[in-house]
Amino acid sequence: MADHAGGIVHIAYGTFAWVGGSEVGLRLLGASFTDRKLTARDIAVDLHGDSAYVEFYWHYSAKQKSDGKDVQTDGRESQLYRRVDGGRWALVHVHYSGMPITP
């Protein structure tokens, strides 16, 4: 989908990768969990010239290899992209947050 500056990034349609010099993180995730699934919803994209802002909610489910325990987490994410040479989109920033707290 895009070039990456580093860190965890989501790749389209429910998969993810740890990139940009963080290969140890990907090995750790692979060594710690099985049956990993990441699902995005309510995806919004705003284009502004050579910049784009993406925001969405996500649900992550997996099993811990150590004891088979189910892991379920939810959160929200924003990503900033910049159009670079040749028209490619480069991911320049990712932010993760927990789910909104309602009173």
PDB file of N, CA and C in Angstrom:
ATOM      1  N   MET A   1       0.830  -1.192   0.000  1.00  0.00           N
ATOM      2  CA  MET A   1       0.000   0.000   0.000  1.00  0.00           C
ATOM      3  C   MET A   1       0.866   1.245   0.000  1.00  0.00           C
ATOM      4  N   ALA A   2       1.907   1.303   0.818  1.00  0.00           N
ATOM      5  CA  ALA A   2       2.708   2.518   0.918  1.00  0.00           C
ATOM      6  C   ALA A   2       4.088   2.180   1.468  1.00  0.00           C
ATOM      7  N   ASP A   3       5.013   3.115   1.357  1.00  0.00           N
ATOM      8  CA  ASP A   3       6.288   2.993   2.049  1.00  0.00           C
ATOM      9  C   ASP A   3       6.047   3.336   3.515  1.00  0.00           C
ATOM     10  N   HIS A   4       6.950   2.904   4.382  1.00  0.00           N
ATOM     11  CA  HIS A   4       6.723   3.084   5.806  1.00  0.00           C
ATOM     12  C   HIS A   4       7.946   3.654   6.490  1.00  0.00           C
ATOM     13  N   ALA A   5       7.711   4.543   7.446  1.00  0.00           N
ATOM     14  CA  ALA A   5       8.794   5.144   8.206  1.00  0.00           C
ATOM     15  C   ALA A   5       9.214   4.265   9.373  1.00  0.00           C
ATOM     16  N   GLY A   6       8.386   3.352   9.812  1.00  0.00           N
ATOM     17  CA  GLY A   6       8.726   2.456  10.908  1.00  0.00           C
ATOM     18  C   GLY A   6       7.594   2.301  11.884  1.00  0.00           C
ATOM     19  N   GLY A   7       7.626   1.244  12.668  1.00  0.00           N
ATOM     20  CA  GLY A   7       6.597   0.984  13.657  1.00  0.00           C
ATOM     21  C   GLY A   7       5.558   0.026  13.133  1.00  0.00           C
ATOM     22  N   ILE A   8       4.538  -0.217  13.952  1.00  0.00           N
ATOM     23  CA  ILE A   8       3.452  -1.093  13.514  1.00  0.00           C
ATOM     24  C   ILE A   8       2.584  -0.319  12.544  1.00  0.00           C
ATOM     25  N   VAL A   9       2.270  -0.921  11.426  1.00  0.00           N
ATOM     26  CA  VAL A   9       1.358  -0.313  10.472  1.00  0.00           C
ATOM     27  C   VAL A   9       0.341  -1.361  10.040  1.00  0.00           C
ATOM     28  N   HIS A  10      -0.815  -0.920   9.702  1.00  0.00           N
ATOM     29  CA  HIS A  10      -1.847  -1.817   9.232  1.00  0.00           C
ATOM     30  C   HIS A  10      -1.816  -1.843   7.722  1.00  0.00           C
ATOM     31  N   ILE A  11      -1.853  -3.016   7.187  1.00  0.00           N
ATOM     32  CA  ILE A  11      -1.926  -3.216   5.750  1.00  0.00           C
ATOM     33  C   ILE A  11      -3.382  -3.576   5.458  1.00  0.00           C
ATOM     34  N   ALA A  12      -3.842  -3.242   4.291  1.00  0.00           N
ATOM     35  CA  ALA A  12      -5.264  -3.347   3.966  1.00  0.00           C
ATOM     36  C   ALA A  12      -5.870  -4.714   4.293  1.00  0.00           C
ATOM     37  N   TYR A  13      -7.123  -4.696   4.667  1.00  0.00           N
ATOM     38  CA  TYR A  13      -8.002  -5.843   4.812  1.00  0.00           C
ATOM     39  C   TYR A  13      -7.614  -6.804   5.921  1.00  0.00           C
ATOM     40  N   GLY A  14      -7.350  -6.268   7.099  1.00  0.00           N
ATOM     41  CA  GLY A  14      -7.282  -7.102   8.278  1.00  0.00           C
ATOM     42  C   GLY A  14      -5.964  -7.802   8.562  1.00  0.00           C
ATOM     43  N   THR A  15      -4.892  -7.417   7.919  1.00  0.00           N
ATOM     44  CA  THR A  15      -3.591  -7.968   8.260  1.00  0.00           C
ATOM     45  C   THR A  15      -2.706  -6.835   8.733  1.00  0.00           C
ATOM     46  N   PHE A  16      -1.590  -7.156   9.351  1.00  0.00           N
ATOM     47  CA  PHE A  16      -0.709  -6.099   9.794  1.00  0.00           C
ATOM     48  C   PHE A  16       0.735  -6.555   9.721  1.00  0.00           C
ATOM     49  N   ALA A  17       1.634  -5.611   9.784  1.00  0.00           N
ATOM     50  CA  ALA A  17       3.064  -5.911   9.740  1.00  0.00           C
ATOM     51  C   ALA A  17       3.808  -4.941  10.627  1.00  0.00           C
ATOM     52  N   TRP A  18       4.951  -5.340  11.089  1.00  0.00           N
ATOM     53  CA  TRP A  18       5.848  -4.484  11.858  1.00  0.00           C
ATOM     54  C   TRP A  18       7.032  -4.235  10.963  1.00  0.00           C
ATOM     55  N   VAL A  19       7.282  -2.975  10.616  1.00  0.00           N
ATOM     56  CA  VAL A  19       8.256  -2.674   9.567  1.00  0.00           C
ATOM     57  C   VAL A  19       9.241  -1.605  10.004  1.00  0.00           C
ATOM     58  N   GLY A  20      10.195  -1.292   9.123  1.00  0.00           N
ATOM     59  CA  GLY A  20      11.100  -0.170   9.323  1.00  0.00           C
ATOM     60  C   GLY A  20      12.108  -0.381  10.430  1.00  0.00           C
ATOM     61  N   GLY A  21      12.815  -1.502  10.405  1.00  0.00           N
ATOM     62  CA  GLY A  21      13.839  -1.730  11.407  1.00  0.00           C
ATOM     63  C   GLY A  21      13.311  -2.352  12.676  1.00  0.00           C
ATOM     64  N   SER A  22      12.048  -2.746  12.697  1.00  0.00           N
ATOM     65  CA  SER A  22      11.461  -3.338  13.900  1.00  0.00           C
ATOM     66  C   SER A  22      11.146  -4.813  13.678  1.00  0.00           C
ATOM     67  N   GLU A  23      11.994  -5.498  12.933  1.00  0.00           N
ATOM     68  CA  GLU A  23      11.751  -6.905  12.639  1.00  0.00           C
ATOM     69  C   GLU A  23      11.684  -7.737  13.911  1.00  0.00           C
ATOM     70  N   VAL A  24      12.402  -7.318  14.946  1.00  0.00           N
ATOM     71  CA  VAL A  24      12.345  -8.018  16.225  1.00  0.00           C
ATOM     72  C   VAL A  24      10.921  -8.024  16.749  1.00  0.00           C
ATOM     73  N   GLY A  25      10.201  -6.911  16.582  1.00  0.00           N
ATOM     74  CA  GLY A  25       8.812  -6.829  17.032  1.00  0.00           C
ATOM     75  C   GLY A  25       7.923  -7.823  16.315  1.00  0.00           C
ATOM     76  N   LEU A  26       8.113  -7.985  15.009  1.00  0.00           N
ATOM     77  CA  LEU A  26       7.317  -8.948  14.254  1.00  0.00           C
ATOM     78  C   LEU A  26       7.621 -10.359  14.734  1.00  0.00           C
ATOM     79  N   ARG A  27       8.880 -10.676  14.972  1.00  0.00           N
ATOM     80  CA  ARG A  27       9.226 -12.008  15.482  1.00  0.00           C
ATOM     81  C   ARG A  27       8.601 -12.226  16.856  1.00  0.00           C
ATOM     82  N   LEU A  28       8.592 -11.182  17.693  1.00  0.00           N
ATOM     83  CA  LEU A  28       7.990 -11.294  19.018  1.00  0.00           C
ATOM     84  C   LEU A  28       6.496 -11.573  18.912  1.00  0.00           C
ATOM     85  N   LEU A  29       5.799 -10.837  18.050  1.00  0.00           N
ATOM     86  CA  LEU A  29       4.368 -11.080  17.873  1.00  0.00           C
ATOM     87  C   LEU A  29       4.127 -12.492  17.359  1.00  0.00           C
ATOM     88  N   GLY A  30       4.907 -12.907  16.368  1.00  0.00           N
ATOM     89  CA  GLY A  30       4.755 -14.247  15.818  1.00  0.00           C
ATOM     90  C   GLY A  30       5.083 -15.325  16.830  1.00  0.00           C
ATOM     91  N   ALA A  31       6.049 -15.063  17.707  1.00  0.00           N
ATOM     92  CA  ALA A  31       6.450 -16.040  18.715  1.00  0.00           C
ATOM     93  C   ALA A  31       5.472 -16.085  19.874  1.00  0.00           C
ATOM     94  N   SER A  32       4.707 -15.026  20.090  1.00  0.00           N
ATOM     95  CA  SER A  32       3.835 -14.932  21.260  1.00  0.00           C
ATOM     96  C   SER A  32       2.380 -15.287  20.990  1.00  0.00           C
ATOM     97  N   PHE A  33       1.916 -15.115  19.745  1.00  0.00           N
ATOM     98  CA  PHE A  33       0.495 -15.271  19.448  1.00  0.00           C
ATOM     99  C   PHE A  33       0.277 -16.139  18.212  1.00  0.00           C
ATOM    100  N   THR A  34      -0.872 -16.812  18.195  1.00  0.00           N
ATOM    101  CA  THR A  34      -1.340 -17.525  17.011  1.00  0.00           C
ATOM    102  C   THR A  34      -2.726 -17.004  16.668  1.00  0.00           C
ATOM    103  N   ASP A  35      -3.246 -17.424  15.546  1.00  0.00           N
ATOM    104  CA  ASP A  35      -4.609 -17.073  15.130  1.00  0.00           C
ATOM    105  C   ASP A  35      -4.865 -15.577  15.220  1.00  0.00           C
ATOM    106  N   ARG A  36      -3.889 -14.785  14.786  1.00  0.00           N
ATOM    107  CA  ARG A  36      -4.006 -13.323  14.856  1.00  0.00           C
ATOM    108  C   ARG A  36      -4.963 -12.818  13.779  1.00  0.00           C
ATOM    109  N   LYS A  37      -5.818 -11.889  14.172  1.00  0.00           N
ATOM    110  CA  LYS A  37      -6.722 -11.259  13.215  1.00  0.00           C
ATOM    111  C   LYS A  37      -6.952  -9.816  13.630  1.00  0.00           C
ATOM    112  N   LEU A  38      -6.778  -8.910  12.681  1.00  0.00           N
ATOM    113  CA  LEU A  38      -7.017  -7.492  12.912  1.00  0.00           C
ATOM    114  C   LEU A  38      -8.095  -7.041  11.951  1.00  0.00           C
ATOM    115  N   THR A  39      -9.164  -6.451  12.490  1.00  0.00           N
ATOM    116  CA  THR A  39     -10.287  -6.014  11.674  1.00  0.00           C
ATOM    117  C   THR A  39     -10.489  -4.516  11.866  1.00  0.00           C
ATOM    118  N   ALA A  40     -10.523  -3.788  10.759  1.00  0.00           N
ATOM    119  CA  ALA A  40     -10.763  -2.339  10.795  1.00  0.00           C
ATOM    120  C   ALA A  40     -12.217  -2.051  10.443  1.00  0.00           C
ATOM    121  N   ARG A  41     -12.757  -0.967  11.029  1.00  0.00           N
ATOM    122  CA  ARG A  41     -14.136  -0.553  10.706  1.00  0.00           C
ATOM    123  C   ARG A  41     -14.222   0.969  10.758  1.00  0.00           C
ATOM    124  N   ASP A  42     -15.282   1.491  10.199  1.00  0.00           N
ATOM    125  CA  ASP A  42     -15.530   2.937  10.185  1.00  0.00           C
ATOM    126  C   ASP A  42     -14.313   3.698   9.653  1.00  0.00           C
ATOM    127  N   ILE A  43     -13.819   3.262   8.515  1.00  0.00           N
ATOM    128  CA  ILE A  43     -12.620   3.857   7.920  1.00  0.00           C
ATOM    129  C   ILE A  43     -12.988   5.167   7.230  1.00  0.00           C
ATOM    130  N   ALA A  44     -12.280   6.231   7.583  1.00  0.00           N
ATOM    131  CA  ALA A  44     -12.479   7.543   6.955  1.00  0.00           C
ATOM    132  C   ALA A  44     -11.147   8.009   6.386  1.00  0.00           C
ATOM    133  N   VAL A  45     -11.203   8.536   5.153  1.00  0.00           N
ATOM    134  CA  VAL A  45     -10.004   9.043   4.482  1.00  0.00           C
ATOM    135  C   VAL A  45     -10.268  10.477   4.034  1.00  0.00           C
ATOM    136  N   ASP A  46      -9.381  11.398   4.391  1.00  0.00           N
ATOM    137  CA  ASP A  46      -9.453  12.791   3.958  1.00  0.00           C
ATOM    138  C   ASP A  46      -8.213  13.096   3.145  1.00  0.00           C
ATOM    139  N   LEU A  47      -8.415  13.544   1.907  1.00  0.00           N
ATOM    140  CA  LEU A  47      -7.303  13.926   1.043  1.00  0.00           C
ATOM    141  C   LEU A  47      -7.155  15.439   1.028  1.00  0.00           C
ATOM    142  N   HIS A  48      -5.906  15.890   1.110  1.00  0.00           N
ATOM    143  CA  HIS A  48      -5.604  17.318   1.089  1.00  0.00           C
ATOM    144  C   HIS A  48      -4.347  17.503   0.238  1.00  0.00           C
ATOM    145  N   GLY A  49      -4.517  17.595  -1.076  1.00  0.00           N
ATOM    146  CA  GLY A  49      -3.370  17.748  -1.961  1.00  0.00           C
ATOM    147  C   GLY A  49      -2.463  16.540  -1.894  1.00  0.00           C
ATOM    148  N   ASP A  50      -1.216  16.746  -1.463  1.00  0.00           N
ATOM    149  CA  ASP A  50      -0.244  15.663  -1.366  1.00  0.00           C
ATOM    150  C   ASP A  50      -0.206  15.029   0.015  1.00  0.00           C
ATOM    151  N   SER A  51      -1.249  15.264   0.812  1.00  0.00           N
ATOM    152  CA  SER A  51      -1.347  14.667   2.142  1.00  0.00           C
ATOM    153  C   SER A  51      -2.690  13.951   2.280  1.00  0.00           C
ATOM    154  N   ALA A  52      -2.691  12.918   3.105  1.00  0.00           N
ATOM    155  CA  ALA A  52      -3.929  12.190   3.380  1.00  0.00           C
ATOM    156  C   ALA A  52      -3.953  11.808   4.851  1.00  0.00           C
ATOM    157  N   TYR A  53      -5.143  11.831   5.425  1.00  0.00           N
ATOM    158  CA  TYR A  53      -5.365  11.479   6.822  1.00  0.00           C
ATOM    159  C   TYR A  53      -6.367  10.329   6.837  1.00  0.00           C
ATOM    160  N   VAL A  54      -6.017   9.232   7.524  1.00  0.00           N
ATOM    161  CA  VAL A  54      -6.879   8.063   7.611  1.00  0.00           C
ATOM    162  C   VAL A  54      -7.155   7.804   9.089  1.00  0.00           C
ATOM    163  N   GLU A  55      -8.410   7.535   9.417  1.00  0.00           N
ATOM    164  CA  GLU A  55      -8.743   7.167  10.796  1.00  0.00           C
ATOM    165  C   GLU A  55      -9.739   6.024  10.774  1.00  0.00           C
ATOM    166  N   PHE A  56      -9.633   5.153  11.780  1.00  0.00           N
ATOM    167  CA  PHE A  56     -10.522   4.007  11.870  1.00  0.00           C
ATOM    168  C   PHE A  56     -10.450   3.398  13.265  1.00  0.00           C
ATOM    169  N   TYR A  57     -11.434   2.559  13.564  1.00  0.00           N
ATOM    170  CA  TYR A  57     -11.444   1.741  14.767  1.00  0.00           C
ATOM    171  C   TYR A  57     -10.979   0.346  14.382  1.00  0.00           C
ATOM    172  N   TRP A  58     -10.368  -0.380  15.336  1.00  0.00           N
ATOM    173  CA  TRP A  58      -9.908  -1.722  15.040  1.00  0.00           C
ATOM    174  C   TRP A  58     -10.220  -2.668  16.197  1.00  0.00           C
ATOM    175  N   HIS A  59     -10.295  -3.952  15.835  1.00  0.00           N
ATOM    176  CA  HIS A  59     -10.441  -5.028  16.815  1.00  0.00           C
ATOM    177  C   HIS A  59      -9.357  -6.053  16.504  1.00  0.00           C
ATOM    178  N   TYR A  60      -8.596  -6.442  17.532  1.00  0.00           N
ATOM    179  CA  TYR A  60      -7.523  -7.415  17.385  1.00  0.00           C
ATOM    180  C   TYR A  60      -7.853  -8.629  18.235  1.00  0.00           C
ATOM    181  N   SER A  61      -7.762  -9.798  17.625  1.00  0.00           N
ATOM    182  CA  SER A  61      -7.960 -11.031  18.381  1.00  0.00           C
ATOM    183  C   SER A  61      -6.826 -11.993  18.060  1.00  0.00           C
ATOM    184  N   ALA A  62      -6.435 -12.763  19.059  1.00  0.00           N
ATOM    185  CA  ALA A  62      -5.358 -13.739  18.901  1.00  0.00           C
ATOM    186  C   ALA A  62      -5.417 -14.712  20.071  1.00  0.00           C
ATOM    187  N   LYS A  63      -4.553 -15.725  19.991  1.00  0.00           N
ATOM    188  CA  LYS A  63      -4.375 -16.661  21.097  1.00  0.00           C
ATOM    189  C   LYS A  63      -2.927 -16.599  21.539  1.00  0.00           C
ATOM    190  N   GLN A  64      -2.717 -16.571  22.852  1.00  0.00           N
ATOM    191  CA  GLN A  64      -1.363 -16.609  23.375  1.00  0.00           C
ATOM    192  C   GLN A  64      -0.816 -18.021  23.194  1.00  0.00           C
ATOM    193  N   LYS A  65       0.378 -18.116  22.638  1.00  0.00           N
ATOM    194  CA  LYS A  65       0.986 -19.435  22.454  1.00  0.00           C
ATOM    195  C   LYS A  65       1.301 -20.100  23.780  1.00  0.00           C
ATOM    196  N   SER A  66       1.634 -19.303  24.792  1.00  0.00           N
ATOM    197  CA  SER A  66       2.082 -19.867  26.067  1.00  0.00           C
ATOM    198  C   SER A  66       0.999 -20.671  26.777  1.00  0.00           C
ATOM    199  N   ASP A  67      -0.259 -20.204  26.707  1.00  0.00           N
ATOM    200  CA  ASP A  67      -1.319 -20.882  27.460  1.00  0.00           C
ATOM    201  C   ASP A  67      -2.631 -21.031  26.689  1.00  0.00           C
ATOM    202  N   GLY A  68      -2.668 -20.610  25.423  1.00  0.00           N
ATOM    203  CA  GLY A  68      -3.877 -20.734  24.615  1.00  0.00           C
ATOM    204  C   GLY A  68      -4.955 -19.726  24.951  1.00  0.00           C
ATOM    205  N   LYS A  69      -4.668 -18.791  25.860  1.00  0.00           N
ATOM    206  CA  LYS A  69      -5.654 -17.794  26.280  1.00  0.00           C
ATOM    207  C   LYS A  69      -5.998 -16.864  25.118  1.00  0.00           C
ATOM    208  N   ASP A  70      -7.305 -16.576  24.969  1.00  0.00           N
ATOM    209  CA  ASP A  70      -7.765 -15.625  23.969  1.00  0.00           C
ATOM    210  C   ASP A  70      -7.385 -14.208  24.380  1.00  0.00           C
ATOM    211  N   VAL A  71      -6.954 -13.424  23.407  1.00  0.00           N
ATOM    212  CA  VAL A  71      -6.633 -12.021  23.618  1.00  0.00           C
ATOM    213  C   VAL A  71      -7.548 -11.218  22.703  1.00  0.00           C
ATOM    214  N   GLN A  72      -8.242 -10.246  23.255  1.00  0.00           N
ATOM    215  CA  GLN A  72      -9.140  -9.377  22.492  1.00  0.00           C
ATOM    216  C   GLN A  72      -8.842  -7.937  22.881  1.00  0.00           C
ATOM    217  N   THR A  73      -8.527  -7.093  21.929  1.00  0.00           N
ATOM    218  CA  THR A  73      -8.328  -5.673  22.217  1.00  0.00           C
ATOM    219  C   THR A  73      -9.020  -4.841  21.149  1.00  0.00           C
ATOM    220  N   ASP A  74      -9.413  -3.641  21.534  1.00  0.00           N
ATOM    221  CA  ASP A  74     -10.051  -2.699  20.622  1.00  0.00           C
ATOM    222  C   ASP A  74      -9.359  -1.356  20.759  1.00  0.00           C
ATOM    223  N   GLY A  75      -9.362  -0.599  19.692  1.00  0.00           N
ATOM    224  CA  GLY A  75      -8.767   0.722  19.745  1.00  0.00           C
ATOM    225  C   GLY A  75      -9.125   1.527  18.520  1.00  0.00           C
ATOM    226  N   ARG A  76      -8.481   2.677  18.427  1.00  0.00           N
ATOM    227  CA  ARG A  76      -8.664   3.543  17.266  1.00  0.00           C
ATOM    228  C   ARG A  76      -7.288   3.990  16.804  1.00  0.00           C
ATOM    229  N   GLU A  77      -7.220   4.356  15.558  1.00  0.00           N
ATOM    230  CA  GLU A  77      -5.930   4.670  14.962  1.00  0.00           C
ATOM    231  C   GLU A  77      -6.079   5.786  13.950  1.00  0.00           C
ATOM    232  N   SER A  78      -5.045   6.597  13.861  1.00  0.00           N
ATOM    233  CA  SER A  78      -4.964   7.584  12.782  1.00  0.00           C
ATOM    234  C   SER A  78      -3.614   7.414  12.093  1.00  0.00           C
ATOM    235  N   GLN A  79      -3.612   7.634  10.788  1.00  0.00           N
ATOM    236  CA  GLN A  79      -2.403   7.522   9.980  1.00  0.00           C
ATOM    237  C   GLN A  79      -2.310   8.744   9.078  1.00  0.00           C
ATOM    238  N   LEU A  80      -1.106   9.287   8.941  1.00  0.00           N
ATOM    239  CA  LEU A  80      -0.854  10.391   8.020  1.00  0.00           C
ATOM    240  C   LEU A  80       0.034   9.894   6.894  1.00  0.00           C
ATOM    241  N   TYR A  81      -0.342  10.218   5.669  1.00  0.00           N
ATOM    242  CA  TYR A  81       0.407   9.841   4.477  1.00  0.00           C
ATOM    243  C   TYR A  81       0.835  11.096   3.730  1.00  0.00           C
ATOM    244  N   ARG A  82       1.919  10.971   2.971  1.00  0.00           N
ATOM    245  CA  ARG A  82       2.398  12.063   2.119  1.00  0.00           C
ATOM    246  C   ARG A  82       2.719  11.461   0.753  1.00  0.00           C
ATOM    247  N   ARG A  83       2.306  12.176  -0.305  1.00  0.00           N
ATOM    248  CA  ARG A  83       2.631  11.722  -1.655  1.00  0.00           C
ATOM    249  C   ARG A  83       4.088  12.090  -1.936  1.00  0.00           C
ATOM    250  N   VAL A  84       4.868  11.098  -2.367  1.00  0.00           N
ATOM    251  CA  VAL A  84       6.294  11.300  -2.604  1.00  0.00           C
ATOM    252  C   VAL A  84       6.605  11.076  -4.082  1.00  0.00           C
ATOM    253  N   ASP A  85       7.879  11.114  -4.416  1.00  0.00           N
ATOM    254  CA  ASP A  85       8.317  10.959  -5.806  1.00  0.00           C
ATOM    255  C   ASP A  85       7.594   9.816  -6.507  1.00  0.00           C
ATOM    256  N   GLY A  86       7.171  10.070  -7.724  1.00  0.00           N
ATOM    257  CA  GLY A  86       6.492   9.054  -8.505  1.00  0.00           C
ATOM    258  C   GLY A  86       5.042   8.857  -8.134  1.00  0.00           C
ATOM    259  N   GLY A  87       4.514   9.676  -7.226  1.00  0.00           N
ATOM    260  CA  GLY A  87       3.109   9.582  -6.860  1.00  0.00           C
ATOM    261  C   GLY A  87       2.792   8.526  -5.811  1.00  0.00           C
ATOM    262  N   ARG A  88       3.814   7.872  -5.264  1.00  0.00           N
ATOM    263  CA  ARG A  88       3.583   6.876  -4.215  1.00  0.00           C
ATOM    264  C   ARG A  88       3.169   7.559  -2.924  1.00  0.00           C
ATOM    265  N   TRP A  89       2.381   6.869  -2.113  1.00  0.00           N
ATOM    266  CA  TRP A  89       1.980   7.383  -0.808  1.00  0.00           C
ATOM    267  C   TRP A  89       2.892   6.779   0.252  1.00  0.00           C
ATOM    268  N   ALA A  90       3.513   7.625   1.068  1.00  0.00           N
ATOM    269  CA  ALA A  90       4.403   7.186   2.138  1.00  0.00           C
ATOM    270  C   ALA A  90       3.724   7.433   3.481  1.00  0.00           C
ATOM    271  N   LEU A  91       3.691   6.422   4.324  1.00  0.00           N
ATOM    272  CA  LEU A  91       3.156   6.561   5.668  1.00  0.00           C
ATOM    273  C   LEU A  91       4.184   7.299   6.509  1.00  0.00           C
ATOM    274  N   VAL A  92       3.796   8.456   7.058  1.00  0.00           N
ATOM    275  CA  VAL A  92       4.751   9.270   7.815  1.00  0.00           C
ATOM    276  C   VAL A  92       4.440   9.339   9.310  1.00  0.00           C
ATOM    277  N   HIS A  93       3.238   8.930   9.722  1.00  0.00           N
ATOM    278  CA  HIS A  93       2.915   8.977  11.152  1.00  0.00           C
ATOM    279  C   HIS A  93       1.743   8.046  11.441  1.00  0.00           C
ATOM    280  N   VAL A  94       1.827   7.346  12.576  1.00  0.00           N
ATOM    281  CA  VAL A  94       0.734   6.496  13.061  1.00  0.00           C
ATOM    282  C   VAL A  94       0.502   6.814  14.530  1.00  0.00           C
ATOM    283  N   HIS A  95      -0.765   6.906  14.926  1.00  0.00           N
ATOM    284  CA  HIS A  95      -1.089   7.127  16.346  1.00  0.00           C
ATOM    285  C   HIS A  95      -2.160   6.112  16.765  1.00  0.00           C
ATOM    286  N   TYR A  96      -1.948   5.499  17.926  1.00  0.00           N
ATOM    287  CA  TYR A  96      -2.902   4.547  18.480  1.00  0.00           C
ATOM    288  C   TYR A  96      -3.512   5.116  19.751  1.00  0.00           C
ATOM    289  N   SER A  97      -4.799   4.853  19.939  1.00  0.00           N
ATOM    290  CA  SER A  97      -5.493   5.265  21.156  1.00  0.00           C
ATOM    291  C   SER A  97      -6.406   4.127  21.576  1.00  0.00           C
ATOM    292  N   GLY A  98      -6.768   4.140  22.856  1.00  0.00           N
ATOM    293  CA  GLY A  98      -7.793   3.233  23.319  1.00  0.00           C
ATOM    294  C   GLY A  98      -9.148   3.686  22.822  1.00  0.00           C
ATOM    295  N   MET A  99     -10.146   2.893  23.102  1.00  0.00           N
ATOM    296  CA  MET A  99     -11.508   3.262  22.714  1.00  0.00           C
ATOM    297  C   MET A  99     -11.943   4.481  23.524  1.00  0.00           C
ATOM    298  N   PRO A 100     -12.816   5.321  22.950  1.00  0.00           N
ATOM    299  CA  PRO A 100     -13.305   6.498  23.677  1.00  0.00           C
ATOM    300  C   PRO A 100     -14.041   6.064  24.948  1.00  0.00           C
ATOM    301  N   ILE A 101     -13.880   6.853  25.983  1.00  0.00           N
ATOM    302  CA  ILE A 101     -14.566   6.595  27.244  1.00  0.00           C
ATOM    303  C   ILE A 101     -15.827   7.458  27.258  1.00  0.00           C
ATOM    304  N   THR A 102     -16.967   6.809  27.467  1.00  0.00           N
ATOM    305  CA  THR A 102     -18.212   7.555  27.528  1.00  0.00           C
ATOM    306  C   THR A 102     -18.669   7.663  28.979  1.00  0.00           C
ATOM    307  N   PRO A 103     -19.150   8.842  29.355  1.00  0.00           N
ATOM    308  CA  PRO A 103     -19.582   9.040  30.748  1.00  0.00           C
ATOM    309  C   PRO A 103     -20.811   8.230  31.110  1.00  0.00           C
TER     310      PRO A 103
END
